[in-house]
C-alpha atoms as a PDB file:
ATOM      1  CA  MET A   1      -7.778 -11.192  -4.091  1.00  0.00           C
ATOM      2  CA  ILE A   2      -5.127  -9.587  -1.976  1.00  0.00           C
ATOM      3  CA  LEU A   3      -2.569  -7.438  -3.823  1.00  0.00           C
ATOM      4  CA  VAL A   4       0.900  -6.772  -2.651  1.00  0.00           C
ATOM      5  CA  THR A   5       3.042  -3.904  -4.123  1.00  0.00           C
ATOM      6  CA  ILE A   6       6.370  -2.748  -3.015  1.00  0.00           C
ATOM      7  CA  GLY A   7       6.475   0.280  -5.352  1.00  0.00           C
ATOM      8  CA  THR A   8       8.745   0.546  -8.520  1.00  0.00           C
ATOM      9  CA  MET A   9      11.889   2.131  -7.214  1.00  0.00           C
ATOM     10  CA  LEU A  10      13.492  -0.144  -4.526  1.00  0.00           C
ATOM     11  CA  PRO A  11      13.511  -3.779  -3.761  1.00  0.00           C
ATOM     12  CA  PHE A  12      11.581  -4.813  -0.678  1.00  0.00           C
ATOM     13  CA  ASP A  13      12.273  -8.602   0.009  1.00  0.00           C
ATOM     14  CA  ARG A  14      11.424  -8.362   3.593  1.00  0.00           C
ATOM     15  CA  LEU A  15       7.842  -7.527   2.827  1.00  0.00           C
ATOM     16  CA  VAL A  16       7.550 -10.011   0.048  1.00  0.00           C
ATOM     17  CA  ARG A  17       9.033 -12.790   2.043  1.00  0.00           C
ATOM     18  CA  ALA A  18       6.696 -11.912   4.951  1.00  0.00           C
ATOM     19  CA  VAL A  19       3.535 -11.980   2.883  1.00  0.00           C
ATOM     20  CA  ASP A  20       4.623 -15.100   1.067  1.00  0.00           C
ATOM     21  CA  ARG A  21       5.024 -16.787   4.448  1.00  0.00           C
ATOM     22  CA  TRP A  22       1.416 -15.651   5.378  1.00  0.00           C
ATOM     23  CA  ALA A  23       0.121 -16.861   1.985  1.00  0.00           C
ATOM     24  CA  GLY A  24       1.507 -20.333   2.581  1.00  0.00           C
ATOM     25  CA  GLU A  25      -0.385 -20.537   5.838  1.00  0.00           C
ATOM     26  CA  HIS A  26      -3.678 -19.105   4.251  1.00  0.00           C
ATOM     27  CA  THR A  27      -4.171 -20.913   1.065  1.00  0.00           C
ATOM     28  CA  GLU A  28      -7.860 -19.908   1.037  1.00  0.00           C
ATOM     29  CA  GLU A  29      -6.785 -16.351   0.072  1.00  0.00           C
ATOM     30  CA  GLU A  30      -5.540 -15.497  -3.504  1.00  0.00           C
ATOM     31  CA  VAL A  31      -2.489 -13.255  -3.081  1.00  0.00           C
ATOM     32  CA  VAL A  32      -0.781 -11.556  -6.039  1.00  0.00           C
ATOM     33  CA  ALA A  33       2.368  -9.582  -5.665  1.00  0.00           C
ATOM     34  CA  GLN A  34       4.335  -6.959  -7.764  1.00  0.00           C
ATOM     35  CA  ILE A  35       7.726  -7.522  -6.429  1.00  0.00           C
ATOM     36  CA  GLY A  36       9.833  -5.056  -8.550  1.00  0.00           C
ATOM     37  CA  GLU A  37      12.715  -5.551 -10.761  1.00  0.00           C
ATOM     38  CA  ARG A  38      15.613  -5.689  -8.244  1.00  0.00           C
ATOM     39  CA  GLY A  39      14.371  -7.869  -5.539  1.00  0.00           C
ATOM     40  CA  GLU A  40      16.251 -11.164  -5.060  1.00  0.00           C
ATOM     41  CA  TYR A  41      13.446 -13.202  -3.256  1.00  0.00           C
ATOM     42  CA  GLU A  42      11.057 -14.996  -5.633  1.00  0.00           C
ATOM     43  CA  PRO A  43       7.773 -15.988  -3.791  1.00  0.00           C
ATOM     44  CA  LYS A  44       6.663 -19.720  -3.480  1.00  0.00           C
ATOM     45  CA  ASN A  45       3.136 -19.288  -2.196  1.00  0.00           C
ATOM     46  CA  MET A  46       1.705 -16.481  -4.185  1.00  0.00           C
ATOM     47  CA  ARG A  47       1.385 -15.409  -7.818  1.00  0.00           C
ATOM     48  CA  TRP A  48       3.915 -12.802  -8.766  1.00  0.00           C
ATOM     49  CA  MET A  49       5.393 -10.600 -11.255  1.00  0.00           C
ATOM     50  CA  ARG A  50       8.207  -8.103 -11.412  1.00  0.00           C
ATOM     51  CA  LEU A  51       6.240  -5.273 -12.872  1.00  0.00           C
ATOM     52  CA  ALA A  52       2.713  -5.081 -14.237  1.00  0.00           C
ATOM     53  CA  ALA A  53       1.843  -2.758 -16.949  1.00  0.00           C
ATOM     54  CA  PRO A  54      -0.168   0.380 -15.647  1.00  0.00           C
ATOM     55  CA  ASP A  55      -3.532  -0.762 -17.078  1.00  0.00           C
ATOM     56  CA  GLU A  56      -2.915  -4.484 -15.736  1.00  0.00           C
ATOM     57  CA  PHE A  57      -1.917  -3.099 -12.343  1.00  0.00           C
ATOM     58  CA  ALA A  58      -5.061  -0.811 -12.252  1.00  0.00           C
ATOM     59  CA  ALA A  59      -7.252  -3.782 -13.081  1.00  0.00           C
ATOM     60  CA  MET A  60      -5.641  -5.941 -10.311  1.00  0.00           C
ATOM     61  CA  VAL A  61      -6.316  -3.087  -7.819  1.00  0.00           C
ATOM     62  CA  ASP A  62      -9.923  -2.931  -8.915  1.00  0.00           C
ATOM     63  CA  ARG A  63     -10.222  -6.701  -8.356  1.00  0.00           C
ATOM     64  CA  SER A  64      -8.501  -6.651  -4.931  1.00  0.00           C
ATOM     65  CA  ARG A  65     -10.235  -6.688  -1.603  1.00  0.00           C
ATOM     66  CA  LEU A  66      -7.110  -5.537   0.211  1.00  0.00           C
ATOM     67  CA  LEU A  67      -3.765  -3.826  -0.617  1.00  0.00           C
ATOM     68  CA  ILE A  68      -0.493  -4.487   1.184  1.00  0.00           C
ATOM     69  CA  ALA A  69       2.124  -2.137   0.451  1.00  0.00           C
ATOM     70  CA  HIS A  70       5.263  -0.222   1.686  1.00  0.00           C
ATOM     71  CA  ALA A  71       4.394   2.978   3.458  1.00  0.00           C
ATOM     72  CA  GLY A  72       4.922   5.430   0.730  1.00  0.00           C
ATOM     73  CA  THR A  73       2.339   8.051   0.346  1.00  0.00           C
ATOM     74  CA  GLY A  74       1.576   6.803  -3.150  1.00  0.00           C
ATOM     75  CA  SER A  75       0.318   3.555  -1.548  1.00  0.00           C
ATOM     76  CA  PHE A  76      -2.067   5.512   0.708  1.00  0.00           C
ATOM     77  CA  LEU A  77      -3.317   7.690  -2.335  1.00  0.00           C
ATOM     78  CA  LEU A  78      -3.961   4.632  -4.384  1.00  0.00           C
ATOM     79  CA  ALA A  79      -5.946   2.896  -1.743  1.00  0.00           C
ATOM     80  CA  ALA A  80      -7.930   6.078  -1.066  1.00  0.00           C
ATOM     81  CA  GLU A  81      -8.476   6.725  -4.831  1.00  0.00           C
ATOM     82  CA  ARG A  82      -9.833   3.040  -5.265  1.00  0.00           C
ATOM     83  CA  ALA A  83     -11.447   2.731  -1.813  1.00  0.00           C
ATOM     84  CA  ARG A  84      -9.582  -0.208  -0.607  1.00  0.00           C
ATOM     85  CA  PRO A  85      -8.382  -1.237   2.728  1.00  0.00           C
ATOM     86  CA  LEU A  86      -4.563  -0.942   3.323  1.00  0.00           C
ATOM     87  CA  VAL A  87      -1.924  -2.745   5.206  1.00  0.00           C
ATOM     88  CA  LEU A  88       1.134  -0.629   5.424  1.00  0.00           C
ATOM     89  CA  PHE A  89       4.553  -2.140   6.032  1.00  0.00           C
ATOM     90  CA  PRO A  90       7.251   0.638   6.297  1.00  0.00           C
ATOM     91  CA  ARG A  91      10.722   0.241   4.737  1.00  0.00           C
ATOM     92  CA  ARG A  92      13.481   0.580   7.461  1.00  0.00           C
ATOM     93  CA  ALA A  93      16.913   2.294   6.932  1.00  0.00           C
ATOM     94  CA  ALA A  94      18.422  -0.040   9.407  1.00  0.00           C
ATOM     95  CA  PHE A  95      17.713  -2.861   6.894  1.00  0.00           C
ATOM     96  CA  ARG A  96      18.954  -0.732   3.954  1.00  0.00           C
ATOM     97  CA  GLU A  97      15.525  -0.728   2.476  1.00  0.00           C
ATOM     98  CA  HIS A  98      15.690   3.004   2.146  1.00  0.00           C
ATOM     99  CA  THR A  99      18.026   5.946   2.866  1.00  0.00           C
ATOM    100  CA  SER A 100      15.804   7.294   5.789  1.00  0.00           C
ATOM    101  CA  ASP A 101      13.092   6.159   8.120  1.00  0.00           C
ATOM    102  CA  HIS A 102      10.502   8.613   6.684  1.00  0.00           C
ATOM    103  CA  GLN A 103       8.168   5.592   6.066  1.00  0.00           C
ATOM    104  CA  LEU A 104       8.019   4.998   9.708  1.00  0.00           C
ATOM    105  CA  GLN A 105       6.805   8.405  10.330  1.00  0.00           C
ATOM    106  CA  THR A 106       4.276   8.118   7.404  1.00  0.00           C
ATOM    107  CA  ALA A 107       2.888   4.838   8.789  1.00  0.00           C
ATOM    108  CA  ARG A 108       2.534   6.303  12.320  1.00  0.00           C
ATOM    109  CA  TRP A 109       0.796   9.334  10.793  1.00  0.00           C
ATOM    110  CA  LEU A 110      -1.595   7.136   8.688  1.00  0.00           C
ATOM    111  CA  ARG A 111      -2.289   4.500  11.264  1.00  0.00           C
ATOM    112  CA  GLU A 112      -5.170   6.528  12.666  1.00  0.00           C
ATOM    113  CA  LYS A 113      -7.010   6.858   9.270  1.00  0.00           C
ATOM    114  CA  ALA A 114     -10.104   4.518   8.702  1.00  0.00           C
ATOM    115  CA  GLY A 115      -9.199   1.620   6.607  1.00  0.00           C
ATOM    116  CA  VAL A 116      -5.322   1.691   7.235  1.00  0.00           C
ATOM    117  CA  TYR A 117      -3.774  -1.145   9.221  1.00  0.00           C
ATOM    118  CA  VAL A 118       0.025  -0.845  10.058  1.00  0.00           C
ATOM    119  CA  ALA A 119       2.593  -3.572  10.694  1.00  0.00           C
ATOM    120  CA  MET A 120       5.878  -2.301  12.009  1.00  0.00           C
ATOM    121  CA  THR A 121       7.428  -5.760  11.989  1.00  0.00           C
ATOM    122  CA  GLU A 122       7.040  -9.042  10.270  1.00  0.00           C
ATOM    123  CA  ASP A 123       5.506 -10.518  13.571  1.00  0.00           C
ATOM    124  CA  GLU A 124       2.867  -7.854  13.404  1.00  0.00           C
ATOM    125  CA  LEU A 125       1.920  -8.366   9.768  1.00  0.00           C
ATOM    126  CA  PRO A 126      -0.496 -11.363  10.170  1.00  0.00           C
ATOM    127  CA  GLY A 127      -2.426  -9.516  12.796  1.00  0.00           C
ATOM    128  CA  ALA A 128      -2.706  -6.355  10.418  1.00  0.00           C
ATOM    129  CA  ILE A 129      -3.857  -8.474   7.512  1.00  0.00           C
ATOM    130  CA  ALA A 130      -6.416 -10.259   9.816  1.00  0.00           C
ATOM    131  CA  ALA A 131      -7.762  -6.962  11.098  1.00  0.00           C
ATOM    132  CA  ALA A 132      -8.074  -5.530   7.598  1.00  0.00           C
ATOM    133  CA  LEU A 133      -9.878  -8.782   6.262  1.00  0.00           C
ATOM    134  CA  ALA A 134     -12.187  -8.698   9.241  1.00  0.00           C
ATOM    135  CA  ARG A 135     -13.434  -5.303   8.290  1.00  0.00           C
ATOM    136  CA  PRO A 136     -13.855  -5.354   4.565  1.00  0.00           C
ATOM    137  CA  ASP A 137     -16.529  -2.775   4.662  1.00  0.00           C
ATOM    138  CA  ILE A 138     -13.921  -0.169   5.980  1.00  0.00           C
ATOM    139  CA  ALA A 139     -11.807   1.228   3.087  1.00  0.00           C
ATOM    140  CA  VAL A 140      -9.216   3.971   3.155  1.00  0.00           C
ATOM    141  CA  GLU A 141     -11.418   7.222   3.107  1.00  0.00           C
ATOM    142  CA  ALA A 142     -11.283   9.291  -0.092  1.00  0.00           C
ATOM    143  CA  LEU A 143      -9.329  12.412   0.347  1.00  0.00           C
ATOM    144  CA  PRO A 144     -11.290  15.688   0.261  1.00  0.00           C
ATOM    145  CA  ARG A 145     -11.111  17.594  -2.852  1.00  0.00           C
ATOM    146  CA  TYR A 146      -8.975  20.897  -2.773  1.00  0.00           C
ATOM    147  CA  ALA A 147     -11.250  23.811  -2.156  1.00  0.00           C
ATOM    148  CA  PRO A 148      -9.551  27.111  -2.749  1.00  0.00           C
ATOM    149  CA  ALA A 149      -9.697  29.797  -0.222  1.00  0.00           C
ATOM    150  CA  PRO A 150     -11.832  32.766  -1.156  1.00  0.00           C
ATOM    151  CA  PHE A 151      -8.807  34.830  -1.534  1.00  0.00           C
ATOM    152  CA  VAL A 152      -7.177  32.469  -4.076  1.00  0.00           C
ATOM    153  CA  GLU A 153     -10.549  32.177  -5.956  1.00  0.00           C
ATOM    154  CA  ARG A 154     -10.741  35.982  -6.147  1.00  0.00           C
ATOM    155  CA  ILE A 155      -7.107  36.083  -7.662  1.00  0.00           C
ATOM    156  CA  ARG A 156      -7.834  33.288 -10.079  1.00  0.00           C
ATOM    157  CA  LYS A 157     -10.988  35.087 -11.263  1.00  0.00           C
ATOM    158  CA  ALA A 158      -9.138  38.447 -11.579  1.00  0.00           C
ATOM    159  CA  LEU A 159      -6.471  36.838 -13.832  1.00  0.00           C
ATOM    160  CA  LEU A 160      -8.953  35.067 -16.017  1.00  0.00           C
ATOM    161  CA  GLU A 161     -11.021  38.136 -16.720  1.00  0.00           C
END
């Protein structure tokens, strides 16, 4: 299953519409989308819900083989935590999808990470999805755990004694 999520704060009809178009051409793939409460576009070619309960959403992530999401850092962290490949599609200020283009910078920064595939436009999305599906063995790498510097560790130890 491919899971699409746009986050919970802002609508993102451009992504939902683009993936819905792709899903209509790739009926062999089950696609499920969480489209948020304020979007206007309702998908025709994929199963969707406005918002899933946190435990239901977590179960869908665990069942998925690919995540498609806006380029928020939470999307990347979710994919890394659950070891899933990730297609990022950044929101654009020019389309009034966000107040700035920080997601473009995030996407550019993350595109070099293993398991991350970036589509900057609707035309690039099918290729990014195909690339991700062609390499199901490559998931977003787990982030390294924070290891405190020796100086910080000495301070922590002194405070706790």
